[in-house]
């Protein structure tokens, strides 16, 4: 009996993966322009890059793996978190 149930599970998986998506229509894609959700502007991209580079450069200078992890968290990570928090608050205020 276990052989039949395994075959039925395989048929169900094949139907779910291959046949059902073809039967259902895909959702219409909307053209995202500037200012629409899902599009990152130049300021947002620059903020993301700076958010990645600043803690890395701070870590290379301070070497927190040797000593001073708490100081690194205050100088390298906390400013990035505060900046993104402020950006989040200001984005809500604009809307």
C-alpha atoms as a PDB file:
ATOM      1  CA  UNK A   1       0.000   0.000   0.000  1.00  0.00           C
ATOM      2  CA  UNK A   2       2.892   2.381   0.594  1.00  0.00           C
ATOM      3  CA  UNK A   3       3.900   2.203  -3.071  1.00  0.00           C
ATOM      4  CA  UNK A   4       0.506   3.505  -4.207  1.00  0.00           C
ATOM      5  CA  UNK A   5       0.548   6.404  -1.762  1.00  0.00           C
ATOM      6  CA  UNK A   6       4.043   7.393  -2.889  1.00  0.00           C
ATOM      7  CA  UNK A   7       2.926   7.392  -6.519  1.00  0.00           C
ATOM      8  CA  UNK A   8      -0.100   9.511  -5.639  1.00  0.00           C
ATOM      9  CA  UNK A   9       2.094  11.999  -3.787  1.00  0.00           C
ATOM     10  CA  UNK A  10       4.390  12.248  -6.813  1.00  0.00           C
ATOM     11  CA  UNK A  11       1.420  12.845  -9.113  1.00  0.00           C
ATOM     12  CA  UNK A  12       0.108  15.521  -6.762  1.00  0.00           C
ATOM     13  CA  UNK A  13       3.510  17.241  -6.693  1.00  0.00           C
ATOM     14  CA  UNK A  14       3.803  17.161 -10.483  1.00  0.00           C
ATOM     15  CA  UNK A  15       0.333  18.636 -10.827  1.00  0.00           C
ATOM     16  CA  UNK A  16       1.095  21.321  -8.286  1.00  0.00           C
ATOM     17  CA  UNK A  17       4.416  22.312  -9.827  1.00  0.00           C
ATOM     18  CA  UNK A  18       3.798  21.961 -13.550  1.00  0.00           C
ATOM     19  CA  UNK A  19       0.099  22.030 -14.360  1.00  0.00           C
ATOM     20  CA  UNK A  20      -1.541  24.401 -11.867  1.00  0.00           C
ATOM     21  CA  UNK A  21       0.635  27.452 -12.642  1.00  0.00           C
ATOM     22  CA  UNK A  22      -0.229  27.091 -16.329  1.00  0.00           C
ATOM     23  CA  UNK A  23      -3.924  26.934 -15.571  1.00  0.00           C
ATOM     24  CA  UNK A  24      -3.894  30.031 -13.395  1.00  0.00           C
ATOM     25  CA  UNK A  25      -3.399  33.375 -15.102  1.00  0.00           C
ATOM     26  CA  UNK A  26      -0.400  35.390 -13.972  1.00  0.00           C
ATOM     27  CA  UNK A  27      -1.021  38.663 -12.182  1.00  0.00           C
ATOM     28  CA  UNK A  28      -0.742  41.698 -14.446  1.00  0.00           C
ATOM     29  CA  UNK A  29       2.561  43.482 -14.124  1.00  0.00           C
ATOM     30  CA  UNK A  30       2.426  47.207 -13.601  1.00  0.00           C
ATOM     31  CA  UNK A  31       5.183  49.402 -14.928  1.00  0.00           C
ATOM     32  CA  UNK A  32       6.976  50.897 -11.956  1.00  0.00           C
ATOM     33  CA  UNK A  33       8.022  54.473 -12.518  1.00  0.00           C
ATOM     34  CA  UNK A  34       9.929  56.888 -10.329  1.00  0.00           C
ATOM     35  CA  UNK A  35       8.364  57.408  -6.928  1.00  0.00           C
ATOM     36  CA  UNK A  36       6.365  54.186  -7.054  1.00  0.00           C
ATOM     37  CA  UNK A  37       6.818  51.455  -4.462  1.00  0.00           C
ATOM     38  CA  UNK A  38       9.452  48.912  -5.360  1.00  0.00           C
ATOM     39  CA  UNK A  39      11.739  51.408  -7.087  1.00  0.00           C
ATOM     40  CA  UNK A  40      14.839  52.580  -5.288  1.00  0.00           C
ATOM     41  CA  UNK A  41      15.900  56.131  -5.956  1.00  0.00           C
ATOM     42  CA  UNK A  42      19.444  57.431  -6.017  1.00  0.00           C
ATOM     43  CA  UNK A  43      19.313  58.628  -2.395  1.00  0.00           C
ATOM     44  CA  UNK A  44      18.051  55.281  -1.156  1.00  0.00           C
ATOM     45  CA  UNK A  45      20.714  53.372  -3.085  1.00  0.00           C
ATOM     46  CA  UNK A  46      23.421  55.686  -1.748  1.00  0.00           C
ATOM     47  CA  UNK A  47      22.095  55.185   1.786  1.00  0.00           C
ATOM     48  CA  UNK A  48      22.243  51.415   1.420  1.00  0.00           C
ATOM     49  CA  UNK A  49      25.812  51.521   0.107  1.00  0.00           C
ATOM     50  CA  UNK A  50      26.955  53.866   2.883  1.00  0.00           C
ATOM     51  CA  UNK A  51      25.179  51.656   5.438  1.00  0.00           C
ATOM     52  CA  UNK A  52      27.257  48.712   4.288  1.00  0.00           C
ATOM     53  CA  UNK A  53      30.576  50.487   3.837  1.00  0.00           C
ATOM     54  CA  UNK A  54      30.621  52.553   7.069  1.00  0.00           C
ATOM     55  CA  UNK A  55      30.522  49.624   9.554  1.00  0.00           C
ATOM     56  CA  UNK A  56      33.047  47.681   7.463  1.00  0.00           C
ATOM     57  CA  UNK A  57      35.524  50.574   7.356  1.00  0.00           C
ATOM     58  CA  UNK A  58      34.967  51.266  11.050  1.00  0.00           C
ATOM     59  CA  UNK A  59      35.669  47.612  11.823  1.00  0.00           C
ATOM     60  CA  UNK A  60      38.854  47.656   9.774  1.00  0.00           C
ATOM     61  CA  UNK A  61      40.094  50.724  11.659  1.00  0.00           C
ATOM     62  CA  UNK A  62      38.980  49.726  15.172  1.00  0.00           C
ATOM     63  CA  UNK A  63      39.555  45.927  14.934  1.00  0.00           C
ATOM     64  CA  UNK A  64      36.696  45.011  17.319  1.00  0.00           C
ATOM     65  CA  UNK A  65      37.567  41.313  17.139  1.00  0.00           C
ATOM     66  CA  UNK A  66      40.707  42.079  19.155  1.00  0.00           C
ATOM     67  CA  UNK A  67      39.303  44.515  21.709  1.00  0.00           C
ATOM     68  CA  UNK A  68      36.575  47.124  22.031  1.00  0.00           C
ATOM     69  CA  UNK A  69      33.466  45.427  20.689  1.00  0.00           C
ATOM     70  CA  UNK A  70      31.133  47.671  22.691  1.00  0.00           C
ATOM     71  CA  UNK A  71      32.902  50.809  21.438  1.00  0.00           C
ATOM     72  CA  UNK A  72      32.604  49.511  17.857  1.00  0.00           C
ATOM     73  CA  UNK A  73      28.872  48.960  18.311  1.00  0.00           C
ATOM     74  CA  UNK A  74      28.480  52.569  19.471  1.00  0.00           C
ATOM     75  CA  UNK A  75      30.671  54.096  16.779  1.00  0.00           C
ATOM     76  CA  UNK A  76      30.153  51.756  13.833  1.00  0.00           C
ATOM     77  CA  UNK A  77      26.672  50.250  14.084  1.00  0.00           C
ATOM     78  CA  UNK A  78      24.582  52.639  16.173  1.00  0.00           C
ATOM     79  CA  UNK A  79      24.911  55.638  13.801  1.00  0.00           C
ATOM     80  CA  UNK A  80      23.707  53.514  10.882  1.00  0.00           C
ATOM     81  CA  UNK A  81      20.728  52.249  12.880  1.00  0.00           C
ATOM     82  CA  UNK A  82      19.855  55.767  14.015  1.00  0.00           C
ATOM     83  CA  UNK A  83      20.139  57.134  10.472  1.00  0.00           C
ATOM     84  CA  UNK A  84      17.792  54.471   9.079  1.00  0.00           C
ATOM     85  CA  UNK A  85      15.381  55.051  11.966  1.00  0.00           C
ATOM     86  CA  UNK A  86      15.347  58.766  11.218  1.00  0.00           C
ATOM     87  CA  UNK A  87      14.852  58.069   7.496  1.00  0.00           C
ATOM     88  CA  UNK A  88      11.947  55.776   8.344  1.00  0.00           C
ATOM     89  CA  UNK A  89      10.309  58.445  10.501  1.00  0.00           C
ATOM     90  CA  UNK A  90      10.787  61.145   7.862  1.00  0.00           C
ATOM     91  CA  UNK A  91       9.389  58.882   5.141  1.00  0.00           C
ATOM     92  CA  UNK A  92       6.213  58.399   7.183  1.00  0.00           C
ATOM     93  CA  UNK A  93       5.944  62.135   7.740  1.00  0.00           C
ATOM     94  CA  UNK A  94       6.052  62.829   3.967  1.00  0.00           C
ATOM     95  CA  UNK A  95       3.116  60.509   3.347  1.00  0.00           C
END
